[in-house]
Protein backbone atom coordinates (compact mmCIF):
# COMPACT_ATOMS: atom_id res chain seq x y z
CA MET A 1 185.17 22.08 145.03
CA THR A 2 184.69 24.26 142.22
CA ARG A 3 184.41 22.92 138.61
CA VAL A 4 184.02 24.81 135.42
CA VAL A 5 184.20 23.64 131.85
CA SER A 6 184.93 25.81 128.62
CA LEU A 7 183.18 24.89 125.51
CA TYR A 8 185.30 25.51 122.40
CA PHE A 9 184.06 26.04 118.69
CA PRO A 10 186.98 26.15 116.68
CA THR A 11 185.47 26.98 113.49
CA TRP A 12 182.43 28.76 115.09
CA PRO A 13 181.13 31.50 112.29
CA THR A 14 181.62 29.04 109.08
CA ASP A 15 179.55 26.09 111.57
CA ARG A 16 176.73 28.94 111.97
CA LEU A 17 176.61 29.30 108.43
CA ARG A 18 176.38 26.32 107.41
CA ARG A 19 174.15 25.81 109.81
CA LYS A 20 172.20 28.40 108.20
CA LEU A 21 172.01 27.64 104.64
CA GLY A 22 171.22 23.92 105.46
CA ALA A 23 170.81 21.79 102.28
CA SER A 24 172.31 25.07 100.07
CA ALA A 25 175.04 25.03 102.03
CA PRO A 26 178.56 24.24 100.23
CA ALA A 27 179.84 20.91 100.64
CA ALA A 28 182.57 19.61 103.51
CA GLU A 29 185.29 20.01 100.72
CA THR A 30 184.00 23.32 99.96
CA PRO A 31 186.58 26.15 101.87
CA ILE A 32 184.63 28.95 103.26
CA VAL A 33 186.53 32.22 104.64
CA MET A 34 184.95 35.58 106.37
CA PHE A 35 185.66 38.49 105.67
CA GLY A 36 185.64 41.81 107.59
CA ARG A 37 187.74 45.54 108.41
CA GLN A 38 190.93 45.24 110.85
CA GLY A 39 191.69 48.90 111.11
CA GLN A 40 191.91 50.21 107.31
CA ARG A 41 192.51 46.56 105.21
CA ARG A 42 190.03 43.52 104.67
CA VAL A 43 191.21 40.52 105.55
CA VAL A 44 190.28 37.05 106.41
CA LEU A 45 188.28 36.45 110.34
CA ALA A 46 186.89 33.50 110.25
CA LEU A 47 187.94 30.25 107.78
CA ASP A 48 186.61 26.64 108.34
CA VAL A 49 188.74 23.71 108.17
CA ALA A 50 189.01 22.65 104.73
CA ALA A 51 190.14 26.58 104.21
CA ARG A 52 193.01 26.00 106.07
CA ARG A 53 194.28 22.76 104.70
CA ALA A 54 194.18 25.16 101.62
CA GLY A 55 196.78 27.29 103.30
CA LEU A 56 194.57 30.06 104.26
CA ARG A 57 195.40 31.39 107.59
CA LEU A 58 193.40 34.38 110.06
CA GLY A 59 194.74 38.01 109.29
CA ILE A 60 195.63 37.29 105.44
CA PRO A 61 194.60 39.92 103.15
CA ALA A 62 190.93 39.61 101.43
CA SER A 63 192.45 39.70 98.06
CA LYS A 64 195.50 37.40 98.80
CA ALA A 65 193.22 34.50 99.78
CA GLN A 66 190.70 35.10 96.62
CA VAL A 67 193.84 34.77 94.74
CA LEU A 68 195.35 31.37 96.46
CA VAL A 69 191.92 29.55 96.42
CA PRO A 70 190.07 30.11 93.01
CA HIS A 71 187.25 27.96 94.04
CA LEU A 72 186.79 29.77 97.72
CA VAL A 73 183.08 30.56 98.82
CA SER A 74 183.28 34.33 100.71
CA VAL A 75 181.12 35.87 102.84
CA GLU A 76 180.97 38.84 105.17
CA MET A 77 181.72 38.27 108.90
CA GLU A 78 178.40 38.61 110.90
CA ALA A 79 179.51 39.45 114.40
CA SER A 80 176.06 40.46 115.78
CA GLU A 81 174.66 36.94 114.26
CA ASP A 82 177.57 34.86 116.28
CA ALA A 83 176.96 36.46 119.25
CA ALA A 84 173.27 35.88 118.92
CA ALA A 85 173.65 32.31 117.97
CA LEU A 86 175.96 31.38 120.36
CA GLU A 87 173.85 32.87 123.02
CA ARG A 88 170.94 30.18 121.88
CA VAL A 89 173.08 27.24 122.63
CA ALA A 90 173.89 28.50 126.04
CA LEU A 91 170.38 28.06 126.57
CA TRP A 92 170.26 25.01 125.55
CA VAL A 93 173.19 24.25 127.04
CA LEU A 94 171.78 24.92 130.13
CA ARG A 95 170.32 21.53 130.64
CA TYR A 96 173.86 20.30 132.00
CA ALA A 97 174.22 23.07 134.37
CA PRO A 98 172.05 25.73 135.88
CA ILE A 99 174.88 27.86 135.52
CA VAL A 100 176.34 28.63 131.90
CA ALA A 101 177.23 31.55 130.00
CA PRO A 102 178.71 32.53 126.49
CA ASP A 103 182.42 33.20 126.39
CA PRO A 104 182.65 35.27 123.35
CA PRO A 105 183.72 35.47 120.49
CA ASP A 106 183.32 31.53 120.47
CA GLY A 107 182.97 29.22 123.48
CA ILE A 108 180.69 28.47 126.43
CA VAL A 109 181.40 28.63 130.14
CA ILE A 110 179.51 26.59 132.32
CA ASP A 111 179.81 25.65 136.06
CA THR A 112 179.39 22.65 136.87
CA THR A 113 180.09 22.40 140.51
CA GLY A 114 177.99 19.64 141.96
CA ALA A 115 176.00 18.40 138.85
CA ASP A 116 178.14 16.31 136.85
CA HIS A 117 177.08 13.17 138.96
CA LEU A 118 173.65 13.78 136.98
CA HIS A 119 175.26 13.23 134.14
CA GLY A 120 177.35 9.97 134.58
CA GLY A 121 180.56 11.98 135.72
CA GLU A 122 182.74 14.73 134.02
CA ARG A 123 183.81 12.69 131.30
CA ALA A 124 180.50 11.07 130.49
CA MET A 125 179.32 14.79 130.11
CA LEU A 126 181.65 16.10 128.21
CA GLU A 127 181.52 13.38 125.79
CA ASP A 128 178.13 13.55 125.60
CA LEU A 129 178.01 17.29 125.22
CA VAL A 130 180.73 17.12 122.25
CA ALA A 131 178.54 14.55 120.58
CA ARG A 132 175.63 16.20 120.44
CA MET A 133 177.54 19.56 118.93
CA GLU A 134 179.15 17.09 115.88
CA ALA A 135 176.19 16.12 115.27
CA SER A 136 174.48 19.33 115.45
CA GLY A 137 177.21 20.03 112.91
CA ILE A 138 179.81 21.91 115.57
CA ALA A 139 183.15 21.07 115.88
CA ALA A 140 183.47 21.77 119.76
CA ARG A 141 186.27 20.90 122.28
CA ALA A 142 185.87 20.68 125.63
CA ALA A 143 188.24 21.42 128.68
CA ILE A 144 186.94 21.40 132.25
CA ALA A 145 188.94 23.05 135.41
CA ASP A 146 189.17 24.07 139.11
CA ALA A 147 188.44 27.70 136.97
CA TRP A 148 187.30 29.43 134.26
CA GLY A 149 191.00 30.44 133.08
CA ALA A 150 192.29 26.95 133.37
CA ALA A 151 189.01 25.49 131.15
CA HIS A 152 189.72 28.13 128.76
CA ALA A 153 193.12 27.39 128.00
CA ALA A 154 193.05 23.41 127.61
CA ALA A 155 190.49 24.13 125.82
CA ARG A 156 192.07 25.97 122.79
CA TYR A 157 195.18 25.12 123.10
CA LEU A 158 195.81 21.17 124.09
CA ALA A 159 194.15 20.53 121.03
CA ARG A 160 191.98 17.68 122.80
CA PRO A 161 188.47 17.37 121.95
CA ILE A 162 188.22 16.48 125.62
CA CYS A 163 191.11 17.60 128.63
CA ILE A 164 189.71 17.09 132.17
CA ILE A 165 192.43 18.46 134.74
CA PRO A 166 192.12 16.66 138.02
CA PRO A 167 191.13 18.78 141.05
CA ALA A 168 193.93 20.67 142.72
CA HIS A 169 196.23 20.11 139.88
CA THR A 170 195.65 23.35 137.94
CA GLU A 171 199.16 25.02 138.33
CA ALA A 172 200.68 21.87 136.99
CA ALA A 173 198.38 21.56 134.00
CA THR A 174 198.33 25.20 132.70
CA ARG A 175 202.45 25.87 132.94
CA ASP A 176 203.53 24.41 129.57
CA LEU A 177 200.73 26.24 127.94
CA PRO A 178 201.29 29.21 125.36
CA VAL A 179 201.34 33.08 127.23
CA ALA A 180 198.29 33.28 125.27
CA ALA A 181 196.61 31.26 126.92
CA LEU A 182 196.20 33.88 129.37
CA ARG A 183 193.71 35.59 127.54
CA LEU A 184 195.71 38.71 127.71
CA GLN A 185 195.74 41.27 125.16
CA PRO A 186 197.57 41.17 121.80
CA HIS A 187 199.81 44.17 122.49
CA ILE A 188 200.85 42.42 126.00
CA VAL A 189 201.44 39.11 124.72
CA GLU A 190 203.73 40.51 122.04
CA GLY A 191 205.97 42.15 124.85
CA LEU A 192 205.91 39.15 126.12
CA HIS A 193 207.18 37.57 123.35
CA THR A 194 210.06 40.37 123.58
CA LEU A 195 211.48 39.59 126.81
CA GLY A 196 211.29 36.33 126.38
CA PHE A 197 208.78 34.48 127.77
CA GLU A 198 206.99 31.90 125.44
CA ARG A 199 205.18 29.38 128.73
CA ILE A 200 203.12 29.91 131.51
CA GLY A 201 205.33 28.47 133.38
CA GLU A 202 208.15 31.14 132.55
CA ILE A 203 206.02 33.30 133.98
CA GLU A 204 205.25 32.18 137.31
CA ASP A 205 209.16 32.07 138.22
CA ALA A 206 209.51 35.56 137.35
CA PRO A 207 208.99 38.35 139.56
CA HIS A 208 205.32 39.67 139.20
CA ALA A 209 206.21 42.99 140.30
CA PRO A 210 208.32 44.39 136.95
CA LEU A 211 205.76 42.76 135.42
CA ALA A 212 202.96 44.08 136.50
CA LEU A 213 204.96 48.05 136.68
CA ARG A 214 205.57 47.34 132.73
CA PHE A 215 202.04 45.75 132.07
CA GLY A 216 199.32 46.73 134.43
CA PRO A 217 197.44 44.87 136.81
CA GLU A 218 196.16 42.70 134.04
CA ILE A 219 198.53 40.24 133.22
CA ILE A 220 198.74 39.32 137.24
CA ARG A 221 194.83 39.32 137.67
CA ARG A 222 194.76 36.62 134.79
CA LEU A 223 197.73 34.43 135.90
CA ASP A 224 196.02 34.04 139.34
CA GLN A 225 192.52 33.40 137.01
CA ALA A 226 194.37 30.29 135.77
CA MET A 227 196.18 29.14 138.53
CA ALA A 228 192.81 29.13 140.40
CA ARG A 229 194.24 31.26 142.85
CA ALA A 230 191.60 33.68 141.92
CA SER A 231 188.16 33.59 141.82
CA GLU A 232 185.90 34.65 138.53
CA VAL A 233 182.39 35.55 138.16
CA PHE A 234 179.87 35.01 135.50
CA GLU A 235 176.20 36.10 134.69
CA PRO A 236 174.70 33.29 134.13
CA VAL A 237 172.19 33.72 130.83
CA ARG A 238 168.91 32.98 131.63
CA SER A 239 165.43 32.71 128.93
CA PRO A 240 162.75 35.30 129.81
CA ASP A 241 160.07 32.58 129.30
CA ARG A 242 160.87 30.68 131.71
CA PRO A 243 158.77 31.02 135.16
CA GLU A 244 160.81 32.16 138.12
CA ALA A 245 160.76 33.09 142.08
CA ARG A 246 163.00 35.76 143.10
CA ARG A 247 163.86 37.19 146.67
CA VAL A 248 166.48 39.83 147.72
CA PHE A 249 167.08 40.27 151.21
CA GLY A 250 168.35 43.83 152.89
CA GLU A 251 170.92 41.94 155.44
CA PRO A 252 172.62 38.68 153.81
CA ILE A 253 171.45 35.22 154.77
CA GLY A 254 174.29 32.55 155.47
CA THR A 255 172.73 29.34 157.77
CA ALA A 256 170.98 26.36 156.52
CA ASP A 257 167.51 27.01 158.58
CA GLN A 258 167.29 30.31 156.61
CA ILE A 259 168.25 29.24 153.39
CA GLY A 260 165.86 26.61 153.66
CA HIS A 261 163.12 28.89 154.69
CA HIS A 262 163.36 31.25 151.93
CA THR A 263 164.06 28.13 150.02
CA ALA A 264 160.32 26.70 150.88
CA GLU A 265 158.67 30.80 150.05
CA LEU A 266 159.93 30.64 146.88
CA VAL A 267 158.65 27.60 145.85
CA ASP A 268 155.20 28.14 146.83
CA GLN A 269 155.25 31.09 144.58
CA LEU A 270 156.28 29.98 141.99
CA CYS A 271 154.38 26.87 142.04
CA ALA A 272 151.10 29.57 142.17
CA VAL A 273 152.75 30.71 139.10
CA LEU A 274 153.48 27.16 137.34
CA GLU A 275 149.28 26.38 138.42
CA THR A 276 148.26 29.38 136.40
CA LYS A 277 149.74 28.81 133.36
CA GLY A 278 148.55 24.70 133.95
CA LEU A 279 152.46 23.79 133.85
CA GLY A 280 154.51 20.85 135.71
CA VAL A 281 158.56 21.14 136.78
CA ARG A 282 160.42 18.48 135.56
CA ARG A 283 163.89 20.54 136.43
CA LEU A 284 163.93 23.30 138.80
CA ASP A 285 167.38 25.36 139.37
CA LEU A 286 167.55 27.82 143.08
CA LEU A 287 170.50 30.03 141.72
CA LEU A 288 171.89 31.91 145.51
CA ARG A 289 173.93 35.26 145.37
CA ARG A 290 176.37 35.37 147.66
CA VAL A 291 178.14 39.52 148.70
CA ASP A 292 181.15 38.35 146.61
CA ASN A 293 179.24 38.08 143.45
CA ARG A 294 179.43 34.39 143.41
CA ILE A 295 176.73 31.77 142.24
CA GLU A 296 176.73 28.68 144.40
CA ALA A 297 173.31 26.61 142.25
CA ILE A 298 170.82 23.80 143.33
CA ARG A 299 169.73 21.66 140.27
CA VAL A 300 167.54 19.02 141.27
CA GLY A 301 164.86 17.02 138.50
CA ALA A 302 161.60 15.49 138.58
CA ALA A 303 160.67 11.76 136.77
CA ALA A 304 157.30 13.30 135.67
CA ALA A 305 155.76 16.68 135.60
CA VAL A 306 155.30 18.14 139.47
CA ARG A 307 153.65 20.56 141.56
CA ASP A 308 153.92 19.70 144.98
CA ALA A 309 155.34 22.08 146.72
CA ARG A 310 155.98 19.94 149.64
CA ARG A 311 157.72 17.27 147.00
CA LEU A 312 159.78 19.88 145.64
CA THR A 313 160.77 22.12 149.00
CA ARG A 314 162.27 18.21 149.76
CA LEU A 315 164.16 17.94 147.11
CA LEU A 316 165.96 21.69 146.89
CA THR A 317 166.29 21.20 151.08
CA ASP A 318 168.47 18.03 150.64
CA ARG A 319 170.99 19.71 148.57
CA ILE A 320 171.23 23.03 150.91
CA ASP A 321 174.20 20.96 152.31
CA THR A 322 176.28 21.48 149.38
CA VAL A 323 175.85 25.22 149.20
CA ASP A 324 178.59 27.08 150.51
CA PRO A 325 177.45 30.67 151.35
CA GLY A 326 180.48 32.17 152.14
CA PHE A 327 180.37 36.23 154.09
CA GLY A 328 176.47 35.50 153.13
CA ILE A 329 174.07 35.53 150.52
CA GLU A 330 171.85 38.16 148.89
CA MET A 331 169.78 37.14 146.50
CA MET A 332 168.08 34.33 146.01
CA LEU A 333 166.43 32.89 142.09
CA LEU A 334 164.45 29.80 141.73
CA ILE A 335 163.82 29.28 138.27
CA ALA A 336 161.83 26.59 136.58
CA SER A 337 164.14 25.17 133.40
CA LEU A 338 161.49 22.15 132.09
CA THR A 339 158.30 22.46 132.34
CA GLU A 340 155.10 20.44 130.62
CA PRO A 341 151.86 20.58 130.39
CA LEU A 342 149.96 19.07 133.26
CA CYS A 343 146.72 18.93 134.37
CA SER A 344 145.03 18.31 137.79
CA ARG A 345 143.40 15.14 138.00
CA GLN A 346 140.72 13.94 140.11
CA VAL A 347 141.19 11.82 142.84
CA ILE A 348 139.45 9.14 143.42
CA SER A 349 137.52 7.69 146.72
CA SER A 350 139.20 5.08 148.66
CA LEU A 351 135.69 3.55 149.17
CA VAL A 352 135.71 3.04 145.24
CA GLU A 353 139.01 1.56 143.90
CA ALA A 354 142.27 1.47 145.87
CA PRO A 355 144.66 4.47 144.84
CA GLU A 356 147.65 3.52 142.85
CA PRO A 357 150.86 2.95 144.43
CA ASP A 358 152.87 6.32 143.48
CA ILE A 359 157.30 6.13 143.92
CA SER A 360 157.87 9.01 141.60
CA GLU A 361 159.09 10.81 144.99
CA LEU A 362 161.12 8.15 146.31
CA ILE A 363 162.40 7.96 142.73
CA ASP A 364 163.61 11.70 142.31
CA VAL A 365 164.77 11.45 146.21
CA ILE A 366 167.22 8.91 144.79
CA ALA A 367 167.73 10.02 140.98
CA ASN A 368 169.04 13.59 142.40
CA ARG A 369 171.46 12.12 145.00
CA VAL A 370 173.47 9.24 142.78
CA GLY A 371 172.38 10.34 139.29
CA GLU A 372 169.97 10.41 136.90
CA ARG A 373 171.65 7.92 134.25
CA ARG A 374 172.49 5.53 137.58
CA LEU A 375 168.99 5.25 138.21
CA TYR A 376 166.80 2.64 135.54
CA ARG A 377 164.88 -0.31 135.36
CA PHE A 378 165.27 -3.36 132.42
CA ALA A 379 162.46 -3.69 129.73
CA PRO A 380 162.31 -6.49 127.35
CA VAL A 381 163.08 -5.85 123.63
CA GLU A 382 161.33 -7.85 120.77
CA SER A 383 164.69 -10.66 119.90
CA ASP A 384 165.56 -13.87 121.09
CA VAL A 385 169.42 -12.85 121.03
CA PRO A 386 169.63 -12.91 124.99
CA GLU A 387 171.83 -9.83 124.99
CA ARG A 388 169.81 -8.52 123.40
CA SER A 389 166.59 -9.34 124.55
CA VAL A 390 167.12 -6.62 127.48
CA GLN A 391 167.44 -2.47 127.34
CA ARG A 392 167.88 0.06 130.51
CA VAL A 393 164.76 2.64 130.41
CA ALA A 394 163.63 5.38 132.63
CA PRO A 395 162.00 3.96 135.71
CA THR A 396 158.74 5.56 135.40
CA ALA A 397 158.79 4.78 131.43
CA PRO A 398 155.38 3.23 130.24
CA ASP A 399 155.18 -1.07 129.89
CA ASP A 400 154.98 -1.37 126.23
CA GLY A 401 153.49 -4.36 126.70
CA VAL A 402 156.42 -6.31 125.61
CA THR A 403 157.29 -9.54 127.07
CA TRP A 404 160.20 -12.26 127.57
CA PRO A 405 159.35 -15.78 125.98
CA GLY A 406 157.93 -18.12 128.92
CA ASP A 407 159.27 -21.53 127.18
CA TRP A 408 162.51 -21.32 128.60
CA PRO A 409 163.47 -19.24 132.06
CA ARG A 410 166.22 -16.97 131.61
CA PRO A 411 169.04 -16.31 134.55
CA SER A 412 168.34 -13.26 137.02
CA ARG A 413 172.05 -12.17 135.64
CA LEU A 414 172.94 -12.46 132.38
CA LEU A 415 176.88 -11.08 131.82
CA ALA A 416 177.71 -8.19 129.94
CA ARG A 417 180.16 -9.99 127.95
CA PRO A 418 179.91 -14.24 127.62
CA GLU A 419 182.90 -15.88 129.41
CA PRO A 420 184.38 -18.42 128.08
CA ILE A 421 184.81 -21.77 129.78
CA GLU A 422 186.77 -24.84 129.33
CA THR A 423 184.09 -28.03 128.68
CA ILE A 424 184.56 -31.98 128.73
CA ALA A 425 181.17 -32.84 126.51
CA LEU A 426 179.87 -35.20 124.27
CA LEU A 427 179.06 -33.50 120.92
CA PRO A 428 176.20 -33.06 119.41
CA ASP A 429 173.42 -32.58 122.05
CA HIS A 430 174.88 -33.51 125.49
CA PRO A 431 175.58 -31.56 127.76
CA PRO A 432 179.11 -30.48 129.71
CA VAL A 433 179.92 -33.12 132.09
CA SER A 434 181.94 -30.71 133.87
CA PHE A 435 182.91 -26.96 133.24
CA THR A 436 185.74 -24.31 134.63
CA TRP A 437 185.39 -21.00 135.08
CA ARG A 438 187.60 -18.35 136.28
CA GLY A 439 189.81 -21.17 137.38
CA VAL A 440 187.63 -23.27 139.50
CA ARG A 441 186.40 -26.48 138.13
CA ARG A 442 182.34 -27.43 138.88
CA ARG A 443 181.04 -30.62 137.88
CA ILE A 444 177.42 -30.88 136.93
CA ALA A 445 174.81 -32.99 138.48
CA ARG A 446 171.72 -32.25 136.55
CA ALA A 447 171.53 -30.20 133.55
CA ASP A 448 168.53 -28.78 131.05
CA GLY A 449 168.58 -28.59 127.19
CA PRO A 450 169.78 -28.15 124.31
CA GLU A 451 167.51 -24.82 123.85
CA ARG A 452 168.71 -23.41 120.12
CA ILE A 453 168.92 -19.48 119.06
CA PHE A 454 169.56 -18.88 116.28
CA GLY A 455 171.44 -15.88 114.94
CA GLU A 456 169.34 -12.49 113.83
CA TRP A 457 170.71 -12.94 109.71
CA TRP A 458 168.45 -8.81 108.96
CA ARG A 459 171.15 -7.68 111.86
CA CYS A 460 174.64 -8.90 110.53
CA GLU A 461 175.23 -11.31 107.14
CA ALA A 462 177.73 -12.98 109.45
CA GLU A 463 174.47 -14.23 111.72
CA THR A 464 173.11 -16.02 109.02
CA HIS A 465 174.36 -19.71 110.31
CA ALA A 466 174.86 -18.95 113.26
CA VAL A 467 173.63 -21.09 115.97
CA ARG A 468 173.61 -20.80 119.76
CA ASP A 469 172.87 -24.42 121.85
CA TYR A 470 171.79 -23.16 125.40
CA PHE A 471 172.00 -25.22 128.48
CA ARG A 472 170.49 -24.66 131.99
CA VAL A 473 173.34 -26.76 134.51
CA GLU A 474 173.49 -27.06 138.25
CA ASP A 475 177.24 -27.89 140.03
CA GLU A 476 176.91 -30.18 142.51
CA GLN A 477 177.06 -27.39 145.82
CA GLY A 478 173.66 -26.26 143.60
CA GLU A 479 174.77 -23.37 141.84
CA ARG A 480 173.05 -22.94 138.67
CA PHE A 481 174.54 -20.79 134.87
CA TRP A 482 173.44 -20.55 131.65
CA ILE A 483 176.39 -21.77 129.42
CA TYR A 484 175.82 -22.59 125.76
CA ARG A 485 177.86 -23.91 122.86
CA ALA A 486 178.51 -21.58 119.71
CA GLY A 487 177.79 -24.15 117.27
CA ASP A 488 175.73 -26.72 116.23
CA GLY A 489 177.83 -29.70 116.97
CA GLU A 490 178.25 -30.71 113.93
CA ASP A 491 178.73 -28.42 111.63
CA PRO A 492 181.43 -25.70 111.46
CA GLY A 493 180.26 -23.15 109.61
CA THR A 494 177.04 -22.30 112.53
CA GLY A 495 180.01 -21.80 114.82
CA ASN A 496 183.01 -22.36 116.46
CA HIS A 497 181.39 -24.56 119.01
CA ARG A 498 183.56 -23.55 121.79
CA TRP A 499 181.61 -23.26 124.97
CA PHE A 500 180.88 -19.88 126.98
CA LEU A 501 179.09 -19.09 130.27
CA HIS A 502 176.67 -16.19 129.81
CA GLY A 503 174.41 -16.34 132.85
CA ILE A 504 173.75 -17.46 136.54
CA PHE A 505 170.15 -18.29 137.83
CA ALA A 506 169.38 -17.14 141.84
């Protein structure tokens, strides 16, 4: 099922201006407006949050705005620069999905069908997208739905940072939105208001033929697009400096075998281009244009730069079953959307030295099926506090030489958060005689410890005197656990002396 993201920048012109000015930009609390011509009048065409708080609104005369806010910063509207910057942002957003296009004057549209799992799911993808924009100084809201029209309306009129309309729930989510959310011409919206229509649901329930006769077919077309009853295509943005290979067909193709055959040919062509440039590919996008002008896309990634045609072909053909060819595919475009320098390596003879095993191909296959973020390995961190002594890194990340201390063994499974347990124990240095965890009481047969771990005072002042005493214990059934007491057993300032279970040994 198609899933489309609408990324909306509510204060795009002023945010772009602040980024352009950099350190010389006015303070955040200083109101900024941008003036332009609207017919014969010079009016406010864009304003930031501070200007809105000061009582200014879009469309008011420039002279009135300057009188109402004495310290107002005003500049002329630069629509061409806004459009050019919007296209640059669209090129950056290509890292999330292969089909991205500007949605002038203040948004981006992204077809994320089949790509959200690569970013941890739809919510994680939208949260990351909005957070990155906010970190760059661009206010953003994002919505995802089954259709561009629904996502566009939700991003602009629900006023939430993130909005997820579940599949097949488009109509219910858009009925209560205002008619202006249909992307209609202003005179049509004004005419609908005159007739008493305020919400999209009211138009949906009314007879369509009289509305089309009075306002033209656009109103019905926009309504069907918002309700996901009619498809809406857009031309994806492309970077001219990215290597690509193209194939146009005189007769449309549609079978998996045909798509796979031509995919292999495109990969061979692209690898030849990459070799001449000394590049390897980290991310590949295969765009397939159908005869109905809809674009299907396949995105695959590699853990390290690669130029092996067989390997890349396998990654792409493994995803062919996700393509809906419709009535046929008339053009295929393969783009190396992320490349890195790749030098040829000399093959070492097996008579001299055994070749080093390469599991990167297996990593690529798994990562493209389950998502890159779900594939990782654990690496040690220099910290005595157990929950801080481990981090997730990429499967192919180089070893930095850091190891865990070998004096005391660590459990194979460390709980995400220590869980409180009830114990019977003698203070201060004796392990518990028994403990109750998740409603099950366990008698301890053997124990080793304590291992005292101190807090990291340089991180948090509250940890200056904090102490944990860890014990390795084994119950009568032979199961081994890692438990600790918060505090040294004597001084209340070192901890509350409660017991916790932190890990399980294999």
